Amino acid sequence: MPYAFILAGLILLVSAVRGTQTDLFNLLKGDVIDGHFLWWIVAIFAVASVGYIKPLKPVSDAFLVLIILVLFLSNHGFFNELTAELSQLHGLQSASPFGGSVMQGWNPADLLNIGGSQII
């Protein structure tokens, strides 16, 4: 847990140094509040908190499984949102010092070829 706080602090620090904290907060607001992510988190925490009562633990476990199934199998579920986000990332242009797209000219096989000799 301390690593999560350190990572969050670093993200906020970098955003503040770059002067893009309003963009960061707007992005988080769009993802968490407008994207209904907050309601999923509230539902999971509410059901999980009921699980701390020993007689209700099996009921809580069953509802958690149901929530996770609905999350994965719904029309706007996990896999649809993941593929939509990944397809958007593929077309992003970067402010890279080398110019062009982040992924332009990158081949995963280059990771296996170091110093002109094939590793595998």
N, C-alpha and C. Protein backbone atom coordinates (compact mmCIF):
# COMPACT_ATOMS: atom_id res chain seq x y z
N MET A 1 0.81 -1.20 0.00
CA MET A 1 0.00 0.00 0.00
C MET A 1 0.85 1.27 0.00
N PRO A 2 1.99 1.27 0.71
CA PRO A 2 2.79 2.49 0.66
C PRO A 2 3.29 2.79 -0.75
N TYR A 3 3.53 1.73 -1.54
CA TYR A 3 3.99 1.96 -2.92
C TYR A 3 2.92 2.64 -3.76
N ALA A 4 1.66 2.33 -3.49
CA ALA A 4 0.57 2.98 -4.22
C ALA A 4 0.53 4.47 -3.89
N PHE A 5 0.73 4.81 -2.62
CA PHE A 5 0.75 6.22 -2.24
C PHE A 5 1.96 6.94 -2.82
N ILE A 6 3.09 6.27 -2.84
CA ILE A 6 4.30 6.87 -3.43
C ILE A 6 4.09 7.10 -4.92
N LEU A 7 3.51 6.12 -5.61
CA LEU A 7 3.24 6.26 -7.05
C LEU A 7 2.24 7.39 -7.32
N ALA A 8 1.17 7.46 -6.51
CA ALA A 8 0.20 8.54 -6.68
C ALA A 8 0.85 9.89 -6.44
N GLY A 9 1.72 9.99 -5.43
CA GLY A 9 2.41 11.24 -5.16
C GLY A 9 3.34 11.64 -6.29
N LEU A 10 4.03 10.65 -6.85
CA LEU A 10 4.92 10.95 -7.99
C LEU A 10 4.13 11.43 -9.21
N ILE A 11 2.99 10.81 -9.45
CA ILE A 11 2.15 11.23 -10.58
C ILE A 11 1.68 12.66 -10.37
N LEU A 12 1.24 12.99 -9.15
CA LEU A 12 0.80 14.35 -8.87
C LEU A 12 1.96 15.34 -8.96
N LEU A 13 3.13 14.95 -8.50
CA LEU A 13 4.30 15.82 -8.57
C LEU A 13 4.71 16.11 -10.01
N VAL A 14 4.76 15.08 -10.83
CA VAL A 14 5.13 15.27 -12.24
C VAL A 14 4.10 16.13 -12.95
N SER A 15 2.83 15.90 -12.65
CA SER A 15 1.77 16.69 -13.26
C SER A 15 1.87 18.16 -12.83
N ALA A 16 2.20 18.40 -11.58
CA ALA A 16 2.33 19.78 -11.10
C ALA A 16 3.54 20.47 -11.72
N VAL A 17 4.65 19.76 -11.86
CA VAL A 17 5.84 20.35 -12.45
C VAL A 17 5.60 20.71 -13.91
N ARG A 18 4.87 19.85 -14.61
CA ARG A 18 4.57 20.12 -16.02
C ARG A 18 3.44 21.13 -16.20
N GLY A 19 2.71 21.44 -15.12
CA GLY A 19 1.60 22.38 -15.20
C GLY A 19 0.37 21.78 -15.84
N THR A 20 0.21 20.48 -15.76
CA THR A 20 -0.92 19.81 -16.40
C THR A 20 -1.87 19.18 -15.38
N GLN A 21 -1.89 19.71 -14.15
CA GLN A 21 -2.74 19.10 -13.14
C GLN A 21 -4.22 19.24 -13.45
N THR A 22 -4.64 20.32 -14.12
CA THR A 22 -6.06 20.42 -14.47
C THR A 22 -6.42 19.37 -15.52
N ASP A 23 -5.52 19.10 -16.44
CA ASP A 23 -5.77 18.03 -17.43
C ASP A 23 -5.86 16.68 -16.74
N LEU A 24 -4.97 16.44 -15.76
CA LEU A 24 -5.00 15.19 -15.02
C LEU A 24 -6.31 15.02 -14.27
N PHE A 25 -6.74 16.07 -13.58
CA PHE A 25 -7.99 15.98 -12.81
C PHE A 25 -9.20 15.82 -13.72
N ASN A 26 -9.20 16.50 -14.87
CA ASN A 26 -10.30 16.32 -15.82
C ASN A 26 -10.33 14.91 -16.38
N LEU A 27 -9.14 14.35 -16.64
CA LEU A 27 -9.06 12.98 -17.13
C LEU A 27 -9.58 11.99 -16.08
N LEU A 28 -9.15 12.17 -14.84
CA LEU A 28 -9.63 11.30 -13.76
C LEU A 28 -11.13 11.44 -13.55
N LYS A 29 -11.64 12.67 -13.61
CA LYS A 29 -13.07 12.89 -13.46
C LYS A 29 -13.83 12.19 -14.58
N GLY A 30 -13.32 12.29 -15.79
CA GLY A 30 -13.99 11.64 -16.92
C GLY A 30 -13.97 10.14 -16.82
N ASP A 31 -12.87 9.58 -16.32
CA ASP A 31 -12.76 8.13 -16.21
C ASP A 31 -13.52 7.58 -15.01
N VAL A 32 -13.38 8.21 -13.86
CA VAL A 32 -13.92 7.65 -12.63
C VAL A 32 -15.39 8.00 -12.45
N ILE A 33 -15.76 9.26 -12.57
CA ILE A 33 -17.12 9.67 -12.26
C ILE A 33 -18.03 9.53 -13.47
N ASP A 34 -17.63 10.07 -14.61
CA ASP A 34 -18.48 10.02 -15.80
C ASP A 34 -18.49 8.63 -16.42
N GLY A 35 -17.47 7.84 -16.21
CA GLY A 35 -17.38 6.51 -16.79
C GLY A 35 -18.00 5.42 -15.94
N HIS A 36 -18.70 5.77 -14.86
CA HIS A 36 -19.39 4.84 -13.98
C HIS A 36 -18.44 3.89 -13.25
N PHE A 37 -17.16 4.16 -13.27
CA PHE A 37 -16.19 3.33 -12.56
C PHE A 37 -16.41 3.43 -11.05
N LEU A 38 -16.78 4.63 -10.59
CA LEU A 38 -17.01 4.86 -9.17
C LEU A 38 -18.11 3.96 -8.64
N TRP A 39 -19.17 3.75 -9.42
CA TRP A 39 -20.29 2.91 -8.95
C TRP A 39 -19.87 1.45 -8.82
N TRP A 40 -19.01 0.99 -9.72
CA TRP A 40 -18.51 -0.38 -9.61
C TRP A 40 -17.68 -0.55 -8.34
N ILE A 41 -16.83 0.42 -8.04
CA ILE A 41 -15.99 0.36 -6.84
C ILE A 41 -16.86 0.39 -5.58
N VAL A 42 -17.87 1.26 -5.55
CA VAL A 42 -18.76 1.34 -4.39
C VAL A 42 -19.49 0.02 -4.19
N ALA A 43 -19.97 -0.59 -5.27
CA ALA A 43 -20.68 -1.87 -5.16
C ALA A 43 -19.76 -2.97 -4.63
N ILE A 44 -18.54 -3.02 -5.14
CA ILE A 44 -17.60 -4.06 -4.70
C ILE A 44 -17.23 -3.87 -3.23
N PHE A 45 -16.97 -2.63 -2.81
CA PHE A 45 -16.62 -2.39 -1.41
C PHE A 45 -17.81 -2.64 -0.47
N ALA A 46 -19.02 -2.30 -0.92
CA ALA A 46 -20.19 -2.54 -0.07
C ALA A 46 -20.41 -4.02 0.16
N VAL A 47 -20.32 -4.81 -0.90
CA VAL A 47 -20.52 -6.25 -0.77
C VAL A 47 -19.37 -6.88 0.00
N ALA A 48 -18.15 -6.42 -0.24
CA ALA A 48 -17.00 -6.97 0.47
C ALA A 48 -17.05 -6.63 1.96
N SER A 49 -17.56 -5.47 2.31
CA SER A 49 -17.65 -5.11 3.73
C SER A 49 -18.65 -5.99 4.46
N VAL A 50 -19.69 -6.45 3.79
CA VAL A 50 -20.64 -7.38 4.40
C VAL A 50 -19.94 -8.71 4.70
N GLY A 51 -18.93 -9.05 3.95
CA GLY A 51 -18.20 -10.29 4.15
C GLY A 51 -17.43 -10.36 5.46
N TYR A 52 -17.23 -9.23 6.14
CA TYR A 52 -16.56 -9.26 7.43
C TYR A 52 -17.46 -9.81 8.53
N ILE A 53 -18.75 -9.89 8.29
CA ILE A 53 -19.67 -10.52 9.24
C ILE A 53 -19.67 -12.01 8.91
N LYS A 54 -19.19 -12.82 9.84
CA LYS A 54 -18.95 -14.25 9.58
C LYS A 54 -20.16 -14.98 9.00
N PRO A 55 -21.38 -14.84 9.55
CA PRO A 55 -22.49 -15.60 8.97
C PRO A 55 -22.87 -15.17 7.55
N LEU A 56 -22.51 -13.94 7.17
CA LEU A 56 -22.87 -13.42 5.85
C LEU A 56 -21.75 -13.57 4.83
N LYS A 57 -20.63 -14.15 5.21
CA LYS A 57 -19.50 -14.29 4.28
C LYS A 57 -19.85 -15.08 3.02
N PRO A 58 -20.55 -16.23 3.09
CA PRO A 58 -20.90 -16.93 1.85
C PRO A 58 -21.80 -16.11 0.92
N VAL A 59 -22.70 -15.34 1.51
CA VAL A 59 -23.58 -14.48 0.70
C VAL A 59 -22.75 -13.38 0.03
N SER A 60 -21.83 -12.81 0.77
CA SER A 60 -20.96 -11.77 0.23
C SER A 60 -20.10 -12.32 -0.90
N ASP A 61 -19.55 -13.50 -0.71
CA ASP A 61 -18.73 -14.12 -1.76
C ASP A 61 -19.54 -14.36 -3.03
N ALA A 62 -20.78 -14.82 -2.86
CA ALA A 62 -21.64 -15.07 -4.02
C ALA A 62 -21.95 -13.78 -4.76
N PHE A 63 -22.22 -12.70 -4.03
CA PHE A 63 -22.51 -11.43 -4.68
C PHE A 63 -21.26 -10.84 -5.35
N LEU A 64 -20.08 -11.04 -4.74
CA LEU A 64 -18.85 -10.57 -5.39
C LEU A 64 -18.61 -11.30 -6.71
N VAL A 65 -18.85 -12.60 -6.72
CA VAL A 65 -18.71 -13.36 -7.96
C VAL A 65 -19.71 -12.85 -8.99
N LEU A 66 -20.93 -12.57 -8.56
CA LEU A 66 -21.95 -12.05 -9.48
C LEU A 66 -21.55 -10.69 -10.04
N ILE A 67 -21.03 -9.80 -9.20
CA ILE A 67 -20.61 -8.47 -9.67
C ILE A 67 -19.47 -8.61 -10.67
N ILE A 68 -18.51 -9.47 -10.39
CA ILE A 68 -17.38 -9.64 -11.31
C ILE A 68 -17.84 -10.24 -12.63
N LEU A 69 -18.78 -11.19 -12.58
CA LEU A 69 -19.32 -11.76 -13.82
C LEU A 69 -20.03 -10.70 -14.65
N VAL A 70 -20.84 -9.88 -14.00
CA VAL A 70 -21.55 -8.82 -14.73
C VAL A 70 -20.55 -7.82 -15.29
N LEU A 71 -19.52 -7.51 -14.54
CA LEU A 71 -18.50 -6.57 -15.00
C LEU A 71 -17.82 -7.08 -16.27
N PHE A 72 -17.53 -8.37 -16.32
CA PHE A 72 -16.84 -8.94 -17.48
C PHE A 72 -17.78 -9.24 -18.64
N LEU A 73 -19.02 -9.59 -18.37
CA LEU A 73 -19.91 -10.06 -19.43
C LEU A 73 -20.90 -9.02 -19.94
N SER A 74 -20.96 -7.84 -19.34
CA SER A 74 -21.92 -6.84 -19.79
C SER A 74 -21.52 -6.28 -21.15
N ASN A 75 -22.47 -5.61 -21.81
CA ASN A 75 -22.22 -5.04 -23.14
C ASN A 75 -21.08 -4.03 -23.13
N HIS A 76 -21.04 -3.22 -22.11
CA HIS A 76 -19.96 -2.24 -22.00
C HIS A 76 -19.00 -2.71 -20.93
N GLY A 77 -18.74 -3.99 -20.92
CA GLY A 77 -17.94 -4.60 -19.87
C GLY A 77 -16.45 -4.43 -20.07
N PHE A 78 -15.73 -5.19 -19.32
CA PHE A 78 -14.28 -5.07 -19.22
C PHE A 78 -13.60 -5.27 -20.56
N PHE A 79 -13.95 -6.33 -21.27
CA PHE A 79 -13.24 -6.65 -22.51
C PHE A 79 -13.53 -5.63 -23.61
N ASN A 80 -14.78 -5.17 -23.71
CA ASN A 80 -15.10 -4.15 -24.71
C ASN A 80 -14.38 -2.84 -24.43
N GLU A 81 -14.37 -2.44 -23.16
CA GLU A 81 -13.69 -1.20 -22.80
C GLU A 81 -12.17 -1.33 -22.98
N LEU A 82 -11.63 -2.49 -22.64
CA LEU A 82 -10.19 -2.70 -22.79
C LEU A 82 -9.77 -2.64 -24.25
N THR A 83 -10.51 -3.31 -25.12
CA THR A 83 -10.16 -3.28 -26.54
C THR A 83 -10.35 -1.88 -27.13
N ALA A 84 -11.36 -1.15 -26.66
CA ALA A 84 -11.56 0.22 -27.15
C ALA A 84 -10.39 1.11 -26.73
N GLU A 85 -9.94 0.97 -25.49
CA GLU A 85 -8.82 1.79 -25.03
C GLU A 85 -7.53 1.41 -25.74
N LEU A 86 -7.31 0.13 -25.94
CA LEU A 86 -6.09 -0.29 -26.62
C LEU A 86 -6.08 0.13 -28.08
N SER A 87 -7.24 0.14 -28.71
CA SER A 87 -7.28 0.59 -30.10
C SER A 87 -7.03 2.09 -30.19
N GLN A 88 -7.44 2.85 -29.16
CA GLN A 88 -7.16 4.28 -29.14
C GLN A 88 -5.67 4.52 -28.92
N LEU A 89 -5.03 3.71 -28.08
CA LEU A 89 -3.61 3.88 -27.81
C LEU A 89 -2.76 3.62 -29.04
N HIS A 90 -3.22 2.73 -29.89
CA HIS A 90 -2.45 2.39 -31.09
C HIS A 90 -2.27 3.59 -32.00
N GLY A 91 -3.26 4.49 -32.05
CA GLY A 91 -3.18 5.62 -32.96
C GLY A 91 -2.65 6.89 -32.35
N LEU A 92 -2.22 6.87 -31.08
CA LEU A 92 -1.77 8.08 -30.42
C LEU A 92 -0.44 8.57 -30.99
N GLN A 93 -0.32 9.86 -31.11
CA GLN A 93 0.94 10.48 -31.49
C GLN A 93 1.59 10.98 -30.21
N SER A 94 2.89 10.94 -30.15
CA SER A 94 3.62 11.32 -28.95
C SER A 94 4.45 12.56 -29.20
N ALA A 95 4.70 13.27 -28.11
CA ALA A 95 5.63 14.39 -28.18
C ALA A 95 7.01 13.84 -27.89
N SER A 96 7.39 12.86 -28.65
CA SER A 96 8.67 12.17 -28.46
C SER A 96 9.79 13.03 -29.03
N PRO A 97 10.96 13.02 -28.38
CA PRO A 97 12.07 13.80 -28.93
C PRO A 97 12.54 13.24 -30.27
N PHE A 98 12.17 12.02 -30.60
CA PHE A 98 12.55 11.42 -31.87
C PHE A 98 11.53 11.69 -32.96
N GLY A 99 10.38 12.27 -32.59
CA GLY A 99 9.34 12.57 -33.55
C GLY A 99 8.52 11.36 -33.91
N GLY A 100 7.36 11.60 -34.47
CA GLY A 100 6.49 10.51 -34.92
C GLY A 100 5.75 9.85 -33.78
N SER A 101 5.18 8.74 -34.09
CA SER A 101 4.41 7.99 -33.12
C SER A 101 5.33 7.26 -32.17
N VAL A 102 4.80 6.95 -30.99
CA VAL A 102 5.58 6.22 -29.99
C VAL A 102 5.95 4.84 -30.52
N MET A 103 5.02 4.18 -31.19
CA MET A 103 5.22 2.82 -31.64
C MET A 103 5.76 2.72 -33.06
N GLN A 104 5.98 3.85 -33.72
CA GLN A 104 6.41 3.83 -35.10
C GLN A 104 7.81 3.23 -35.22
N GLY A 105 7.94 2.22 -36.04
CA GLY A 105 9.22 1.61 -36.28
C GLY A 105 9.69 0.67 -35.18
N TRP A 106 8.82 0.37 -34.23
CA TRP A 106 9.21 -0.51 -33.12
C TRP A 106 8.78 -1.92 -33.43
N ASN A 107 9.67 -2.85 -33.24
CA ASN A 107 9.38 -4.25 -33.47
C ASN A 107 9.72 -5.01 -32.20
N PRO A 108 8.78 -5.80 -31.65
CA PRO A 108 9.07 -6.55 -30.43
C PRO A 108 10.27 -7.49 -30.57
N ALA A 109 10.55 -7.95 -31.79
CA ALA A 109 11.68 -8.84 -32.00
C ALA A 109 13.00 -8.14 -31.76
N ASP A 110 13.00 -6.78 -31.79
CA ASP A 110 14.23 -6.03 -31.53
C ASP A 110 14.73 -6.25 -30.10
N LEU A 111 13.81 -6.63 -29.19
CA LEU A 111 14.22 -6.89 -27.82
C LEU A 111 15.11 -8.12 -27.73
N LEU A 112 14.98 -9.03 -28.67
CA LEU A 112 15.76 -10.26 -28.66
C LEU A 112 17.09 -10.10 -29.40
N ASN A 113 17.28 -8.97 -30.06
CA ASN A 113 18.47 -8.74 -30.86
C ASN A 113 19.27 -7.62 -30.22
N ILE A 114 20.23 -7.97 -29.38
CA ILE A 114 21.02 -6.97 -28.67
C ILE A 114 22.46 -7.04 -29.19
N GLY A 115 22.98 -5.92 -29.58
CA GLY A 115 24.37 -5.85 -30.03
C GLY A 115 24.60 -6.61 -31.33
N GLY A 116 23.58 -6.77 -32.14
CA GLY A 116 23.73 -7.43 -33.42
C GLY A 116 23.70 -8.94 -33.34
N SER A 117 23.63 -9.51 -32.15
CA SER A 117 23.57 -10.97 -32.04
C SER A 117 22.21 -11.38 -31.50
N GLN A 118 21.69 -12.43 -32.03
CA GLN A 118 20.39 -12.95 -31.65
C GLN A 118 20.51 -13.63 -30.28
N ILE A 119 19.65 -13.26 -29.33
CA ILE A 119 19.70 -13.86 -28.00
C ILE A 119 19.13 -15.25 -28.00
N ILE A 120 17.98 -15.39 -28.63
CA ILE A 120 17.31 -16.70 -28.64
C ILE A 120 17.36 -17.27 -30.04
